[in-house]
Amino acid sequence: MRMHQANAKEKKPLSKKAKKTILYSAIISTATVAVALIITLALVFGNKPGDGNEVVLPPPEEPGSEVVAPPPPPPPAKPAVVLPLDDFTAGKPAVLDRLVYNSSMNQWRTHNGMDFLAAEGSAVRAVTDGKVVGVEHTQLEASVVTIEHADGIVSVYKGLATDVRVEEGDTVKSGDVIGSVAASMPRERSEGPHLHLEIKQNGSLIDPVTFLPDIGDK
């Protein structure tokens, strides 16, 4: 009799609450397995070739197909430097570091430029590209034209006739005629008709020979 009661206690049916707990656990487990299966199938079969979802890698570059940047353009050519006269004889050279005697003025002074002896009326040319920054008509140096060039170079043409062909503000090219040789330059009249050319670089006088083309046997 006692054994029958014990067995009856062991076979007591589950309560409704326990049944619900077991049911919910089974549902959750089944759902979890189903979601995992769906994700696995999507990863395996979702990116089929041609469906537009695959990751396309660029084809490997073939040898010699590298993109080569074009070379930079060459720097612009510097303007030509020419002699200021076509036909001349070299006169007094520039003497910048000591005094020399000037017989026309009867005084000792530096000779700040180079003299180009030429016939009256000979065409005087700009030695290189530049901009006219000064045109003067003086008593001692006749007409004077000043031209600014690149790299801090300035050329000054003294001993010109009054028929100057340029005005302040004009742009000139290498070899352009800017005027002509006067009958005389009073400050250096003992030399006769000639062009007195001074060259400055960054505000300091330099020997024109160091800037101009080779004068040769002139």
C-alpha atoms as a PDB file:
ATOM      1  CA  MET A   1       0.000   0.000   0.000  1.00  0.00           C
ATOM      2  CA  ARG A   2       2.793   2.456   0.778  1.00  0.00           C
ATOM      3  CA  MET A   3       4.564   1.564  -2.471  1.00  0.00           C
ATOM      4  CA  HIS A   4       1.432   2.293  -4.440  1.00  0.00           C
ATOM      5  CA  GLN A   5       1.191   5.716  -2.873  1.00  0.00           C
ATOM      6  CA  ALA A   6       4.866   6.442  -3.625  1.00  0.00           C
ATOM      7  CA  ASN A   7       4.460   5.462  -7.291  1.00  0.00           C
ATOM      8  CA  ALA A   8       1.354   7.588  -7.450  1.00  0.00           C
ATOM      9  CA  LYS A   9       3.379  10.588  -6.257  1.00  0.00           C
ATOM     10  CA  GLU A  10       6.128   9.996  -8.897  1.00  0.00           C
ATOM     11  CA  LYS A  11       3.622   9.791 -11.764  1.00  0.00           C
ATOM     12  CA  LYS A  12       1.865  12.986 -10.792  1.00  0.00           C
ATOM     13  CA  PRO A  13       1.030  14.884 -14.024  1.00  0.00           C
ATOM     14  CA  LEU A  14       2.888  18.133 -14.881  1.00  0.00           C
ATOM     15  CA  SER A  15       1.281  21.349 -13.959  1.00  0.00           C
ATOM     16  CA  LYS A  16       0.031  23.739 -16.640  1.00  0.00           C
ATOM     17  CA  LYS A  17       2.804  26.188 -15.816  1.00  0.00           C
ATOM     18  CA  ALA A  18       5.488  23.544 -16.344  1.00  0.00           C
ATOM     19  CA  LYS A  19       3.925  22.474 -19.626  1.00  0.00           C
ATOM     20  CA  LYS A  20       3.914  26.075 -20.851  1.00  0.00           C
ATOM     21  CA  THR A  21       7.565  26.517 -19.895  1.00  0.00           C
ATOM     22  CA  ILE A  22       8.570  23.378 -21.815  1.00  0.00           C
ATOM     23  CA  LEU A  23       6.495  24.463 -24.830  1.00  0.00           C
ATOM     24  CA  TYR A  24       7.998  27.930 -24.905  1.00  0.00           C
ATOM     25  CA  SER A  25      11.517  26.522 -24.639  1.00  0.00           C
ATOM     26  CA  ALA A  26      10.831  24.175 -27.566  1.00  0.00           C
ATOM     27  CA  ILE A  27       9.426  27.011 -29.685  1.00  0.00           C
ATOM     28  CA  ILE A  28      12.376  29.261 -28.948  1.00  0.00           C
ATOM     29  CA  SER A  29      14.867  26.498 -29.749  1.00  0.00           C
ATOM     30  CA  THR A  30      13.081  25.679 -33.001  1.00  0.00           C
ATOM     31  CA  ALA A  31      12.966  29.361 -33.998  1.00  0.00           C
ATOM     32  CA  THR A  32      16.637  29.804 -33.227  1.00  0.00           C
ATOM     33  CA  VAL A  33      17.549  26.811 -35.358  1.00  0.00           C
ATOM     34  CA  ALA A  34      15.320  28.079 -38.182  1.00  0.00           C
ATOM     35  CA  VAL A  35      16.890  31.574 -38.157  1.00  0.00           C
ATOM     36  CA  ALA A  36      20.385  30.098 -38.144  1.00  0.00           C
ATOM     37  CA  LEU A  37      19.453  27.869 -41.080  1.00  0.00           C
ATOM     38  CA  ILE A  38      17.997  30.793 -43.041  1.00  0.00           C
ATOM     39  CA  ILE A  39      21.133  32.903 -42.473  1.00  0.00           C
ATOM     40  CA  THR A  40      23.379  30.012 -43.522  1.00  0.00           C
ATOM     41  CA  LEU A  41      21.375  29.429 -46.705  1.00  0.00           C
ATOM     42  CA  ALA A  42      21.420  33.144 -47.503  1.00  0.00           C
ATOM     43  CA  LEU A  43      25.191  33.282 -47.153  1.00  0.00           C
ATOM     44  CA  VAL A  44      25.685  30.190 -49.274  1.00  0.00           C
ATOM     45  CA  PHE A  45      23.180  30.885 -52.043  1.00  0.00           C
ATOM     46  CA  GLY A  46      22.484  34.615 -51.765  1.00  0.00           C
ATOM     47  CA  ASN A  47      25.384  36.009 -53.904  1.00  0.00           C
ATOM     48  CA  LYS A  48      25.037  34.088 -57.116  1.00  0.00           C
ATOM     49  CA  PRO A  49      27.137  35.270 -60.063  1.00  0.00           C
ATOM     50  CA  GLY A  50      25.204  37.762 -62.141  1.00  0.00           C
ATOM     51  CA  ASP A  51      22.595  38.745 -59.566  1.00  0.00           C
ATOM     52  CA  GLY A  52      24.289  42.128 -58.992  1.00  0.00           C
ATOM     53  CA  ASN A  53      25.128  41.514 -55.342  1.00  0.00           C
ATOM     54  CA  GLU A  54      28.569  40.025 -55.692  1.00  0.00           C
ATOM     55  CA  VAL A  55      31.703  42.024 -54.932  1.00  0.00           C
ATOM     56  CA  VAL A  56      33.558  42.581 -58.202  1.00  0.00           C
ATOM     57  CA  LEU A  57      37.302  43.080 -57.904  1.00  0.00           C
ATOM     58  CA  PRO A  58      39.125  45.078 -60.581  1.00  0.00           C
ATOM     59  CA  PRO A  59      41.107  43.011 -63.041  1.00  0.00           C
ATOM     60  CA  PRO A  60      44.841  42.878 -62.390  1.00  0.00           C
ATOM     61  CA  GLU A  61      46.835  45.469 -64.286  1.00  0.00           C
ATOM     62  CA  GLU A  62      48.751  44.176 -67.230  1.00  0.00           C
ATOM     63  CA  PRO A  63      52.462  44.986 -67.428  1.00  0.00           C
ATOM     64  CA  GLY A  64      52.994  48.325 -69.100  1.00  0.00           C
ATOM     65  CA  SER A  65      49.440  49.519 -68.517  1.00  0.00           C
ATOM     66  CA  GLU A  66      50.365  51.900 -65.690  1.00  0.00           C
ATOM     67  CA  VAL A  67      49.039  55.436 -66.052  1.00  0.00           C
ATOM     68  CA  VAL A  68      52.014  57.737 -66.620  1.00  0.00           C
ATOM     69  CA  ALA A  69      51.555  61.416 -65.809  1.00  0.00           C
ATOM     70  CA  PRO A  70      52.500  63.710 -68.689  1.00  0.00           C
ATOM     71  CA  PRO A  71      55.792  65.572 -68.202  1.00  0.00           C
ATOM     72  CA  PRO A  72      55.495  69.173 -67.020  1.00  0.00           C
ATOM     73  CA  PRO A  73      55.638  71.798 -69.757  1.00  0.00           C
ATOM     74  CA  PRO A  74      59.094  73.258 -70.372  1.00  0.00           C
ATOM     75  CA  PRO A  75      59.765  76.667 -68.843  1.00  0.00           C
ATOM     76  CA  PRO A  76      59.262  79.583 -71.214  1.00  0.00           C
ATOM     77  CA  ALA A  77      62.361  80.480 -73.177  1.00  0.00           C
ATOM     78  CA  LYS A  78      64.190  83.580 -72.033  1.00  0.00           C
ATOM     79  CA  PRO A  79      64.004  86.490 -74.483  1.00  0.00           C
ATOM     80  CA  ALA A  80      66.999  87.003 -76.718  1.00  0.00           C
ATOM     81  CA  VAL A  81      69.621  89.600 -75.838  1.00  0.00           C
ATOM     82  CA  VAL A  82      70.964  91.586 -78.798  1.00  0.00           C
ATOM     83  CA  LEU A  83      73.431  94.382 -79.390  1.00  0.00           C
ATOM     84  CA  PRO A  84      71.904  97.873 -79.424  1.00  0.00           C
ATOM     85  CA  LEU A  85      73.320  98.789 -82.866  1.00  0.00           C
ATOM     86  CA  ASP A  86      73.837  96.850 -86.088  1.00  0.00           C
ATOM     87  CA  ASP A  87      76.930  98.785 -87.213  1.00  0.00           C
ATOM     88  CA  PHE A  88      79.236 100.361 -84.651  1.00  0.00           C
ATOM     89  CA  THR A  89      82.749 100.559 -83.281  1.00  0.00           C
ATOM     90  CA  ALA A  90      83.398  99.869 -79.622  1.00  0.00           C
ATOM     91  CA  GLY A  91      84.271 103.094 -77.804  1.00  0.00           C
ATOM     92  CA  LYS A  92      85.134 103.706 -74.170  1.00  0.00           C
ATOM     93  CA  PRO A  93      84.421 100.692 -71.943  1.00  0.00           C
ATOM     94  CA  ALA A  94      82.643 100.924 -68.621  1.00  0.00           C
ATOM     95  CA  VAL A  95      84.921 101.829 -65.712  1.00  0.00           C
ATOM     96  CA  LEU A  96      82.935 101.498 -62.514  1.00  0.00           C
ATOM     97  CA  ASP A  97      85.603 101.077 -59.856  1.00  0.00           C
ATOM     98  CA  ARG A  98      87.898 104.045 -60.472  1.00  0.00           C
ATOM     99  CA  LEU A  99      87.956 107.588 -61.846  1.00  0.00           C
ATOM    100  CA  VAL A 100      88.885 108.316 -65.467  1.00  0.00           C
ATOM    101  CA  TYR A 101      89.446 111.657 -67.136  1.00  0.00           C
ATOM    102  CA  ASN A 102      86.560 113.135 -69.140  1.00  0.00           C
ATOM    103  CA  SER A 103      88.047 115.655 -71.550  1.00  0.00           C
ATOM    104  CA  SER A 104      84.636 117.034 -72.608  1.00  0.00           C
ATOM    105  CA  MET A 105      83.784 118.015 -69.017  1.00  0.00           C
ATOM    106  CA  ASN A 106      87.420 118.475 -67.888  1.00  0.00           C
ATOM    107  CA  GLN A 107      86.850 116.313 -64.826  1.00  0.00           C
ATOM    108  CA  TRP A 108      87.647 112.940 -63.339  1.00  0.00           C
ATOM    109  CA  ARG A 109      84.690 110.611 -62.926  1.00  0.00           C
ATOM    110  CA  THR A 110      83.660 106.984 -63.327  1.00  0.00           C
ATOM    111  CA  HIS A 111      82.461 105.940 -66.763  1.00  0.00           C
ATOM    112  CA  ASN A 112      79.177 104.232 -65.946  1.00  0.00           C
ATOM    113  CA  GLY A 113      78.461 102.610 -69.307  1.00  0.00           C
ATOM    114  CA  MET A 114      79.885 101.458 -72.615  1.00  0.00           C
ATOM    115  CA  ASP A 115      80.106 103.703 -75.668  1.00  0.00           C
ATOM    116  CA  PHE A 116      79.075 102.472 -79.134  1.00  0.00           C
ATOM    117  CA  LEU A 117      80.497 104.774 -81.829  1.00  0.00           C
ATOM    118  CA  ALA A 118      78.107 104.995 -84.777  1.00  0.00           C
ATOM    119  CA  ALA A 119      76.973 107.356 -87.510  1.00  0.00           C
ATOM    120  CA  GLU A 120      74.411 110.002 -86.639  1.00  0.00           C
ATOM    121  CA  GLY A 121      70.905 108.625 -87.220  1.00  0.00           C
ATOM    122  CA  SER A 122      71.881 104.968 -86.732  1.00  0.00           C
ATOM    123  CA  ALA A 123      68.949 102.934 -85.354  1.00  0.00           C
ATOM    124  CA  VAL A 124      69.223 102.080 -81.651  1.00  0.00           C
ATOM    125  CA  ARG A 125      67.489  98.863 -80.545  1.00  0.00           C
ATOM    126  CA  ALA A 126      66.206  97.529 -77.240  1.00  0.00           C
ATOM    127  CA  VAL A 127      68.687  94.917 -76.052  1.00  0.00           C
ATOM    128  CA  THR A 128      65.913  92.571 -74.830  1.00  0.00           C
ATOM    129  CA  ASP A 129      62.190  92.452 -74.004  1.00  0.00           C
ATOM    130  CA  GLY A 130      61.004  95.004 -71.492  1.00  0.00           C
ATOM    131  CA  LYS A 131      58.867  97.970 -70.558  1.00  0.00           C
ATOM    132  CA  VAL A 132      59.798 101.608 -71.123  1.00  0.00           C
ATOM    133  CA  VAL A 133      59.844 103.340 -67.725  1.00  0.00           C
ATOM    134  CA  GLY A 134      61.451 106.633 -68.695  1.00  0.00           C
ATOM    135  CA  VAL A 135      61.919 109.014 -71.654  1.00  0.00           C
ATOM    136  CA  GLU A 136      63.860 112.243 -71.008  1.00  0.00           C
ATOM    137  CA  HIS A 137      65.380 115.001 -73.112  1.00  0.00           C
ATOM    138  CA  THR A 138      68.406 116.483 -71.330  1.00  0.00           C
ATOM    139  CA  GLN A 139      71.075 119.104 -72.075  1.00  0.00           C
ATOM    140  CA  LEU A 140      74.146 117.058 -71.185  1.00  0.00           C
ATOM    141  CA  GLU A 141      73.126 113.522 -72.236  1.00  0.00           C
ATOM    142  CA  ALA A 142      70.726 114.276 -75.139  1.00  0.00           C
ATOM    143  CA  SER A 143      67.600 112.080 -75.149  1.00  0.00           C
ATOM    144  CA  VAL A 144      67.590 109.220 -72.626  1.00  0.00           C
ATOM    145  CA  VAL A 145      65.394 106.097 -72.681  1.00  0.00           C
ATOM    146  CA  THR A 146      65.174 103.708 -69.686  1.00  0.00           C
ATOM    147  CA  ILE A 147      63.760 100.177 -70.076  1.00  0.00           C
ATOM    148  CA  GLU A 148      63.006  97.634 -67.336  1.00  0.00           C
ATOM    149  CA  HIS A 149      63.610  93.949 -68.105  1.00  0.00           C
ATOM    150  CA  ALA A 150      63.209  90.645 -66.276  1.00  0.00           C
ATOM    151  CA  ASP A 151      65.496  89.511 -63.438  1.00  0.00           C
ATOM    152  CA  GLY A 152      66.065  93.040 -62.128  1.00  0.00           C
ATOM    153  CA  ILE A 153      67.830  94.232 -65.304  1.00  0.00           C
ATOM    154  CA  VAL A 154      67.462  97.860 -66.442  1.00  0.00           C
ATOM    155  CA  SER A 155      69.002  99.305 -69.625  1.00  0.00           C
ATOM    156  CA  VAL A 156      69.619 103.048 -70.051  1.00  0.00           C
ATOM    157  CA  TYR A 157      70.283 104.498 -73.530  1.00  0.00           C
ATOM    158  CA  LYS A 158      71.924 107.936 -73.565  1.00  0.00           C
ATOM    159  CA  GLY A 159      72.966 110.100 -76.511  1.00  0.00           C
ATOM    160  CA  LEU A 160      69.773 109.586 -78.540  1.00  0.00           C
ATOM    161  CA  ALA A 161      68.321 112.113 -80.979  1.00  0.00           C
ATOM    162  CA  THR A 162      65.021 113.820 -80.195  1.00  0.00           C
ATOM    163  CA  ASP A 163      63.091 111.501 -82.541  1.00  0.00           C
ATOM    164  CA  VAL A 164      62.565 108.878 -79.829  1.00  0.00           C
ATOM    165  CA  ARG A 165      60.102 106.234 -81.050  1.00  0.00           C
ATOM    166  CA  VAL A 166      58.807 105.014 -77.695  1.00  0.00           C
ATOM    167  CA  GLU A 167      56.896 106.502 -74.801  1.00  0.00           C
ATOM    168  CA  GLU A 168      56.829 105.725 -71.112  1.00  0.00           C
ATOM    169  CA  GLY A 169      54.638 102.652 -70.539  1.00  0.00           C
ATOM    170  CA  ASP A 170      55.348 101.065 -73.936  1.00  0.00           C
ATOM    171  CA  THR A 171      56.280  97.381 -74.127  1.00  0.00           C
ATOM    172  CA  VAL A 172      59.194  96.541 -76.398  1.00  0.00           C
ATOM    173  CA  LYS A 173      60.620  93.326 -77.788  1.00  0.00           C
ATOM    174  CA  SER A 174      64.243  92.385 -78.211  1.00  0.00           C
ATOM    175  CA  GLY A 175      65.632  94.298 -81.209  1.00  0.00           C
ATOM    176  CA  ASP A 176      62.807  96.855 -81.479  1.00  0.00           C
ATOM    177  CA  VAL A 177      64.024 100.282 -82.648  1.00  0.00           C
ATOM    178  CA  ILE A 178      63.583 102.828 -79.851  1.00  0.00           C
ATOM    179  CA  GLY A 179      65.411 105.797 -81.372  1.00  0.00           C
ATOM    180  CA  SER A 180      68.543 106.915 -83.212  1.00  0.00           C
ATOM    181  CA  VAL A 181      72.031 108.195 -82.436  1.00  0.00           C
ATOM    182  CA  ALA A 182      72.209 111.967 -81.925  1.00  0.00           C
ATOM    183  CA  ALA A 183      74.773 114.262 -83.545  1.00  0.00           C
ATOM    184  CA  SER A 184      76.500 114.520 -80.188  1.00  0.00           C
ATOM    185  CA  MET A 185      76.172 113.861 -76.494  1.00  0.00           C
ATOM    186  CA  PRO A 186      77.428 117.045 -74.789  1.00  0.00           C
ATOM    187  CA  ARG A 187      78.797 115.236 -71.736  1.00  0.00           C
ATOM    188  CA  GLU A 188      81.002 113.135 -74.084  1.00  0.00           C
ATOM    189  CA  ARG A 189      81.073 115.299 -77.238  1.00  0.00           C
ATOM    190  CA  SER A 190      84.795 114.664 -77.794  1.00  0.00           C
ATOM    191  CA  GLU A 191      83.892 111.125 -78.938  1.00  0.00           C
ATOM    192  CA  GLY A 192      81.519 112.282 -81.663  1.00  0.00           C
ATOM    193  CA  PRO A 193      78.162 110.597 -82.334  1.00  0.00           C
ATOM    194  CA  HIS A 194      77.730 107.539 -80.173  1.00  0.00           C
ATOM    195  CA  LEU A 195      75.357 105.640 -77.926  1.00  0.00           C
ATOM    196  CA  HIS A 196      76.225 105.518 -74.234  1.00  0.00           C
ATOM    197  CA  LEU A 197      74.618 102.349 -72.783  1.00  0.00           C
ATOM    198  CA  GLU A 198      74.349 101.657 -69.063  1.00  0.00           C
ATOM    199  CA  ILE A 199      73.108  98.378 -67.558  1.00  0.00           C
ATOM    200  CA  LYS A 200      71.878  98.005 -63.990  1.00  0.00           C
ATOM    201  CA  GLN A 201      71.010  94.829 -62.115  1.00  0.00           C
ATOM    202  CA  ASN A 202      68.952  95.118 -58.933  1.00  0.00           C
ATOM    203  CA  GLY A 203      69.777  98.816 -58.790  1.00  0.00           C
ATOM    204  CA  SER A 204      73.563  98.496 -59.187  1.00  0.00           C
ATOM    205  CA  LEU A 205      75.554  99.369 -62.291  1.00  0.00           C
ATOM    206  CA  ILE A 206      77.224  96.440 -64.072  1.00  0.00           C
ATOM    207  CA  ASP A 207      79.545  96.299 -67.062  1.00  0.00           C
ATOM    208  CA  PRO A 208      77.322  95.972 -70.179  1.00  0.00           C
ATOM    209  CA  VAL A 209      79.835  93.506 -71.632  1.00  0.00           C
ATOM    210  CA  THR A 210      78.779  90.955 -68.987  1.00  0.00           C
ATOM    211  CA  PHE A 211      75.152  91.132 -70.174  1.00  0.00           C
ATOM    212  CA  LEU A 212      75.361  91.670 -73.927  1.00  0.00           C
ATOM    213  CA  PRO A 213      76.346  89.150 -76.609  1.00  0.00           C
ATOM    214  CA  ASP A 214      80.007  88.946 -77.580  1.00  0.00           C
ATOM    215  CA  ILE A 215      81.057  92.166 -79.274  1.00  0.00           C
ATOM    216  CA  GLY A 216      83.946  90.432 -80.984  1.00  0.00           C
ATOM    217  CA  ASP A 217      86.352  92.617 -82.971  1.00  0.00           C
ATOM    218  CA  LYS A 218      84.112  95.675 -83.046  1.00  0.00           C
END
